[in-house]
C-alpha atoms as a PDB file:
ATOM      1  CA  LEU A   1      -6.823  20.895   3.829  1.00  0.00           C
ATOM      2  CA  TRP A   2      -3.971  23.317   2.986  1.00  0.00           C
ATOM      3  CA  VAL A   3      -6.134  24.534  -0.058  1.00  0.00           C
ATOM      4  CA  TYR A   4      -9.307  24.983   1.909  1.00  0.00           C
ATOM      5  CA  PRO A   5      -8.162  26.910   5.251  1.00  0.00           C
ATOM      6  CA  ASP A   6     -12.173  26.268   6.338  1.00  0.00           C
ATOM      7  CA  VAL A   7     -11.844  22.651   6.414  1.00  0.00           C
ATOM      8  CA  SER A   8     -10.350  20.488   9.304  1.00  0.00           C
ATOM      9  CA  GLY A   9      -9.425  16.772   9.070  1.00  0.00           C
ATOM     10  CA  GLU A  10      -8.656  14.175  11.078  1.00  0.00           C
ATOM     11  CA  LEU A  11      -6.667  10.980   9.641  1.00  0.00           C
ATOM     12  CA  ALA A  12      -7.331   7.824  11.201  1.00  0.00           C
ATOM     13  CA  VAL A  13      -4.981   5.178   9.863  1.00  0.00           C
ATOM     14  CA  SER A  14      -5.857   1.264  10.656  1.00  0.00           C
ATOM     15  CA  ASP A  15      -4.889  -2.284   8.895  1.00  0.00           C
ATOM     16  CA  THR A  16      -8.634  -3.341   9.628  1.00  0.00           C
ATOM     17  CA  VAL A  17     -11.452  -2.900   7.947  1.00  0.00           C
ATOM     18  CA  GLU A  18     -13.713  -0.454   9.577  1.00  0.00           C
ATOM     19  CA  ASP A  19     -17.099   1.211   8.992  1.00  0.00           C
ATOM     20  CA  GLY A  20     -15.596   4.287   9.635  1.00  0.00           C
ATOM     21  CA  VAL A  21     -18.184   6.379   7.730  1.00  0.00           C
ATOM     22  CA  ALA A  22     -21.147   4.795   9.662  1.00  0.00           C
ATOM     23  CA  SER A  23     -19.783   5.632  12.690  1.00  0.00           C
ATOM     24  CA  ARG A  24     -17.670   8.666  12.861  1.00  0.00           C
ATOM     25  CA  PHE A  25     -16.430  10.432   9.755  1.00  0.00           C
ATOM     26  CA  ASP A  26     -17.526  12.048   6.660  1.00  0.00           C
ATOM     27  CA  LEU A  27     -15.639   9.630   4.384  1.00  0.00           C
ATOM     28  CA  ALA A  28     -13.091   7.374   4.158  1.00  0.00           C
ATOM     29  CA  LEU A  29     -10.697   5.821   1.753  1.00  0.00           C
ATOM     30  CA  ARG A  30     -10.714   1.947   1.136  1.00  0.00           C
ATOM     31  CA  ILE A  31      -7.919  -0.068  -0.360  1.00  0.00           C
ATOM     32  CA  GLY A  32      -9.379  -3.177  -2.276  1.00  0.00           C
ATOM     33  CA  GLU A  33     -12.902  -3.938  -3.222  1.00  0.00           C
ATOM     34  CA  PRO A  34     -14.925  -2.360  -0.814  1.00  0.00           C
ATOM     35  CA  ALA A  35     -17.980  -4.131   0.193  1.00  0.00           C
ATOM     36  CA  ASP A  36     -21.644  -3.083  -0.752  1.00  0.00           C
ATOM     37  CA  SER A  37     -22.437  -1.026   1.878  1.00  0.00           C
ATOM     38  CA  GLY A  38     -24.931   1.529   0.671  1.00  0.00           C
ATOM     39  CA  LEU A  39     -21.971   4.341   0.323  1.00  0.00           C
ATOM     40  CA  VAL A  40     -20.957   5.900  -2.570  1.00  0.00           C
ATOM     41  CA  ALA A  41     -18.091   4.293  -4.141  1.00  0.00           C
ATOM     42  CA  ARG A  42     -15.471   6.517  -6.250  1.00  0.00           C
ATOM     43  CA  ARG A  43     -12.875   4.468  -7.322  1.00  0.00           C
ATOM     44  CA  ILE A  44      -9.570   7.482  -7.428  1.00  0.00           C
ATOM     45  CA  GLY A  45      -6.619   5.164  -8.267  1.00  0.00           C
ATOM     46  CA  LEU A  46      -4.558   1.604  -7.685  1.00  0.00           C
ATOM     47  CA  TYR A  47      -2.574   0.888  -4.797  1.00  0.00           C
ATOM     48  CA  GLN A  48       0.487  -1.369  -6.443  1.00  0.00           C
ATOM     49  CA  MET A  49       2.931  -3.109  -3.704  1.00  0.00           C
ATOM     50  CA  ILE A  50       6.383  -3.472  -5.401  1.00  0.00           C
ATOM     51  CA  ILE A  51       9.265  -5.293  -4.208  1.00  0.00           C
ATOM     52  CA  CYS A  52      12.713  -3.734  -4.345  1.00  0.00           C
ATOM     53  CA  ALA A  53      16.096  -3.992  -2.445  1.00  0.00           C
ATOM     54  CA  ALA A  54      19.107  -1.626  -2.107  1.00  0.00           C
ATOM     55  CA  PRO A  55      21.812  -2.114  -5.036  1.00  0.00           C
ATOM     56  CA  ALA A  56      24.462  -2.467  -2.371  1.00  0.00           C
ATOM     57  CA  TYR A  57      22.179  -5.500  -0.961  1.00  0.00           C
ATOM     58  CA  LEU A  58      21.484  -6.985  -4.240  1.00  0.00           C
ATOM     59  CA  GLU A  59      25.718  -6.949  -5.472  1.00  0.00           C
ATOM     60  CA  ARG A  60      26.129  -9.060  -1.968  1.00  0.00           C
ATOM     61  CA  TYR A  61      23.591 -11.681  -2.174  1.00  0.00           C
ATOM     62  CA  GLY A  62      22.175 -11.608  -5.598  1.00  0.00           C
ATOM     63  CA  THR A  63      19.147 -10.531  -7.377  1.00  0.00           C
ATOM     64  CA  PRO A  64      16.551 -13.269  -7.026  1.00  0.00           C
ATOM     65  CA  ALA A  65      14.989 -14.868 -10.440  1.00  0.00           C
ATOM     66  CA  SER A  66      11.715 -15.727  -9.101  1.00  0.00           C
ATOM     67  CA  PRO A  67       9.568 -16.256  -5.797  1.00  0.00           C
ATOM     68  CA  GLY A  68      11.021 -19.717  -4.801  1.00  0.00           C
ATOM     69  CA  ASP A  69      14.518 -17.720  -4.557  1.00  0.00           C
ATOM     70  CA  LEU A  70      13.609 -15.665  -1.795  1.00  0.00           C
ATOM     71  CA  ALA A  71      14.170 -18.586   0.992  1.00  0.00           C
ATOM     72  CA  ARG A  72      17.864 -17.764   0.327  1.00  0.00           C
ATOM     73  CA  HIS A  73      17.533 -14.066   0.812  1.00  0.00           C
ATOM     74  CA  GLN A  74      16.653 -11.794   3.701  1.00  0.00           C
ATOM     75  CA  CYS A  75      13.059 -10.367   3.681  1.00  0.00           C
ATOM     76  CA  LEU A  76      11.781  -7.250   5.613  1.00  0.00           C
ATOM     77  CA  ASP A  77       8.483  -8.488   6.630  1.00  0.00           C
ATOM     78  CA  PHE A  78       5.462  -6.341   7.860  1.00  0.00           C
ATOM     79  CA  SER A  79       4.096  -7.886  10.739  1.00  0.00           C
ATOM     80  CA  HIS A  80       0.262  -8.489   9.958  1.00  0.00           C
ATOM     81  CA  TRP A  81       1.236 -10.589   7.029  1.00  0.00           C
ATOM     82  CA  SER A  82       3.778 -12.811   8.304  1.00  0.00           C
ATOM     83  CA  ARG A  83       0.529 -13.567  11.059  1.00  0.00           C
ATOM     84  CA  ARG A  84      -1.456 -14.558   8.365  1.00  0.00           C
ATOM     85  CA  THR A  85      -0.014 -15.666   4.692  1.00  0.00           C
ATOM     86  CA  GLY A  86       2.885 -14.078   4.184  1.00  0.00           C
ATOM     87  CA  TRP A  87       3.796 -11.970   0.687  1.00  0.00           C
ATOM     88  CA  ARG A  88       1.107 -12.457  -1.614  1.00  0.00           C
ATOM     89  CA  LEU A  89       2.723 -12.463  -5.016  1.00  0.00           C
ATOM     90  CA  GLY A  90       0.369 -12.818  -8.507  1.00  0.00           C
ATOM     91  CA  THR A  91       1.537 -14.904 -11.301  1.00  0.00           C
ATOM     92  CA  ASP A  92      -0.608 -15.948 -13.882  1.00  0.00           C
ATOM     93  CA  GLU A  93      -2.037 -18.455 -12.352  1.00  0.00           C
ATOM     94  CA  GLY A  94      -2.958 -16.976  -9.203  1.00  0.00           C
ATOM     95  CA  ALA A  95      -1.387 -15.718  -6.173  1.00  0.00           C
ATOM     96  CA  GLU A  96       1.434 -17.609  -4.577  1.00  0.00           C
ATOM     97  CA  MET A  97       1.528 -16.763  -0.896  1.00  0.00           C
ATOM     98  CA  GLY A  98       3.801 -17.956   1.808  1.00  0.00           C
ATOM     99  CA  TYR A  99       7.096 -15.988   0.976  1.00  0.00           C
ATOM    100  CA  PRO A 100       9.235 -14.961   3.072  1.00  0.00           C
ATOM    101  CA  THR A 101      10.197 -15.184   6.563  1.00  0.00           C
ATOM    102  CA  GLY A 102      12.741 -12.809   7.591  1.00  0.00           C
ATOM    103  CA  ARG A 103      14.971 -11.704  10.864  1.00  0.00           C
ATOM    104  CA  PHE A 104      13.258  -8.240  10.836  1.00  0.00           C
ATOM    105  CA  VAL A 105       9.896  -7.763  11.097  1.00  0.00           C
ATOM    106  CA  SER A 106       7.922  -4.590  11.502  1.00  0.00           C
ATOM    107  CA  ASN A 107       4.673  -3.055  11.591  1.00  0.00           C
ATOM    108  CA  ASN A 108       5.486   0.086   9.996  1.00  0.00           C
ATOM    109  CA  GLY A 109       6.291   0.583   6.316  1.00  0.00           C
ATOM    110  CA  GLN A 110       8.922   3.519   6.900  1.00  0.00           C
ATOM    111  CA  ALA A 111      10.808   1.154   9.325  1.00  0.00           C
ATOM    112  CA  LEU A 112      10.987  -1.547   6.752  1.00  0.00           C
ATOM    113  CA  ARG A 113      11.962   1.231   3.811  1.00  0.00           C
ATOM    114  CA  GLN A 114      14.908   2.443   5.660  1.00  0.00           C
ATOM    115  CA  ALA A 115      15.849  -1.179   6.760  1.00  0.00           C
ATOM    116  CA  ALA A 116      15.835  -1.909   2.548  1.00  0.00           C
ATOM    117  CA  LEU A 117      17.455   1.608   1.942  1.00  0.00           C
ATOM    118  CA  ALA A 118      20.174   0.338   4.550  1.00  0.00           C
ATOM    119  CA  GLY A 119      20.957  -2.693   2.712  1.00  0.00           C
ATOM    120  CA  PHE A 120      19.251  -5.155   5.649  1.00  0.00           C
ATOM    121  CA  GLY A 121      17.214  -6.776   2.727  1.00  0.00           C
ATOM    122  CA  ILE A 122      14.098  -7.277   0.333  1.00  0.00           C
ATOM    123  CA  VAL A 123      11.134  -5.095   0.992  1.00  0.00           C
ATOM    124  CA  LEU A 124       7.634  -5.581  -0.296  1.00  0.00           C
ATOM    125  CA  GLN A 125       5.806  -1.970   0.253  1.00  0.00           C
ATOM    126  CA  PRO A 126       3.496   0.189  -1.534  1.00  0.00           C
ATOM    127  CA  GLU A 127       5.002   2.001  -4.742  1.00  0.00           C
ATOM    128  CA  LEU A 128       3.734   5.299  -3.273  1.00  0.00           C
ATOM    129  CA  LEU A 129       6.079   4.583  -0.261  1.00  0.00           C
ATOM    130  CA  LEU A 130       9.204   3.788  -2.670  1.00  0.00           C
ATOM    131  CA  ALA A 131       8.671   5.692  -5.861  1.00  0.00           C
ATOM    132  CA  GLU A 132      11.429   8.448  -4.961  1.00  0.00           C
ATOM    133  CA  ASP A 133      13.684   5.991  -3.876  1.00  0.00           C
ATOM    134  CA  VAL A 134      13.423   3.629  -6.960  1.00  0.00           C
ATOM    135  CA  ARG A 135      13.704   7.168  -9.216  1.00  0.00           C
ATOM    136  CA  ALA A 136      16.771   8.182  -7.288  1.00  0.00           C
ATOM    137  CA  GLY A 137      18.123   4.661  -7.970  1.00  0.00           C
ATOM    138  CA  ARG A 138      18.302   4.197  -3.850  1.00  0.00           C
ATOM    139  CA  LEU A 139      16.298   0.696  -4.290  1.00  0.00           C
ATOM    140  CA  ILE A 140      15.882  -1.028  -7.145  1.00  0.00           C
ATOM    141  CA  PRO A 141      12.647  -2.809  -8.582  1.00  0.00           C
ATOM    142  CA  ILE A 142      13.088  -6.840  -8.736  1.00  0.00           C
ATOM    143  CA  LEU A 143      10.529  -9.963  -9.738  1.00  0.00           C
ATOM    144  CA  GLN A 144       8.252  -7.428 -11.344  1.00  0.00           C
ATOM    145  CA  PRO A 145       6.335 -10.604 -13.201  1.00  0.00           C
ATOM    146  CA  TYR A 146       5.337 -11.516  -9.645  1.00  0.00           C
ATOM    147  CA  TRP A 147       4.095  -8.148  -7.880  1.00  0.00           C
ATOM    148  CA  PRO A 148       0.759  -8.346  -6.444  1.00  0.00           C
ATOM    149  CA  VAL A 149      -2.091  -7.622  -8.263  1.00  0.00           C
ATOM    150  CA  ALA A 150      -2.995  -3.612  -8.023  1.00  0.00           C
ATOM    151  CA  ARG A 151      -5.985  -3.263  -5.771  1.00  0.00           C
ATOM    152  CA  PRO A 152      -8.351  -0.268  -6.108  1.00  0.00           C
ATOM    153  CA  ILE A 153      -8.435   3.130  -3.990  1.00  0.00           C
ATOM    154  CA  THR A 154     -11.719   4.111  -3.223  1.00  0.00           C
ATOM    155  CA  LEU A 155     -13.467   7.205  -1.868  1.00  0.00           C
ATOM    156  CA  LEU A 156     -16.385   6.177   0.340  1.00  0.00           C
ATOM    157  CA  TYR A 157     -19.196   8.192   1.858  1.00  0.00           C
ATOM    158  CA  PRO A 158     -22.684   8.508   2.536  1.00  0.00           C
ATOM    159  CA  LYS A 159     -24.826   9.100  -0.568  1.00  0.00           C
ATOM    160  CA  ASP A 160     -28.020  10.079   1.509  1.00  0.00           C
ATOM    161  CA  ARG A 161     -26.691  12.279   3.734  1.00  0.00           C
ATOM    162  CA  GLN A 162     -27.374  16.103   2.996  1.00  0.00           C
ATOM    163  CA  ALA A 163     -24.743  17.717   0.714  1.00  0.00           C
ATOM    164  CA  LEU A 164     -22.495  19.806   3.080  1.00  0.00           C
ATOM    165  CA  PRO A 165     -20.525  22.252   1.105  1.00  0.00           C
ATOM    166  CA  LYS A 166     -17.477  21.294   2.775  1.00  0.00           C
ATOM    167  CA  LEU A 167     -17.744  17.484   2.155  1.00  0.00           C
ATOM    168  CA  THR A 168     -18.732  17.879  -1.760  1.00  0.00           C
ATOM    169  CA  THR A 169     -15.434  20.095  -2.133  1.00  0.00           C
ATOM    170  CA  PHE A 170     -13.215  18.132  -0.096  1.00  0.00           C
ATOM    171  CA  VAL A 171     -14.563  14.934  -2.454  1.00  0.00           C
ATOM    172  CA  ASP A 172     -14.063  17.038  -5.497  1.00  0.00           C
ATOM    173  CA  PHE A 173     -10.730  18.053  -4.534  1.00  0.00           C
ATOM    174  CA  VAL A 174      -9.613  14.398  -3.788  1.00  0.00           C
ATOM    175  CA  VAL A 175     -10.856  12.963  -6.769  1.00  0.00           C
ATOM    176  CA  ALA A 176      -9.033  15.843  -8.856  1.00  0.00           C
ATOM    177  CA  ARG A 177      -5.990  15.395  -7.062  1.00  0.00           C
ATOM    178  CA  PHE A 178      -5.844  11.760  -6.892  1.00  0.00           C
ATOM    179  CA  THR A 179      -7.438  10.090  -9.816  1.00  0.00           C
ATOM    180  CA  ARG A 180      -5.415   8.585 -12.564  1.00  0.00           C
END
């Protein structure tokens, strides 16, 4: 938006699957496989979840070697997952579910990140959220073979709508900026 001062935007973030494009938005970003909705779907990247902990936490409690070891650790849980299935960890045989239960649960990724940085436990959150802390050594990636399978990030917009210059310019900008 800062590159195109004539374009304004509204960011609506939701953990529920909605048909936002049909109802009120010009476009949507969807994490995961989009339903066949008659919308134009342009894949722009991958959404990778990673498991990390602070060096101080790992020094104090040890580094888990397998998902089963998480039962002996403090895991920082995202409230939407704990109500459903727990962590879904990928393996060669498929997804393992049910890990973990922790003493700290939040519905906010930044709160979980801060708790992990403070050494409160092990966190499973998007790589995008934790990448800077990993690069700086404030968080250490663990259990990489069991990370959830990366999901696609898809830009969705109507195909039969008149091609408005603001929309097409913004779509081109997003695709150029975020496509890997």
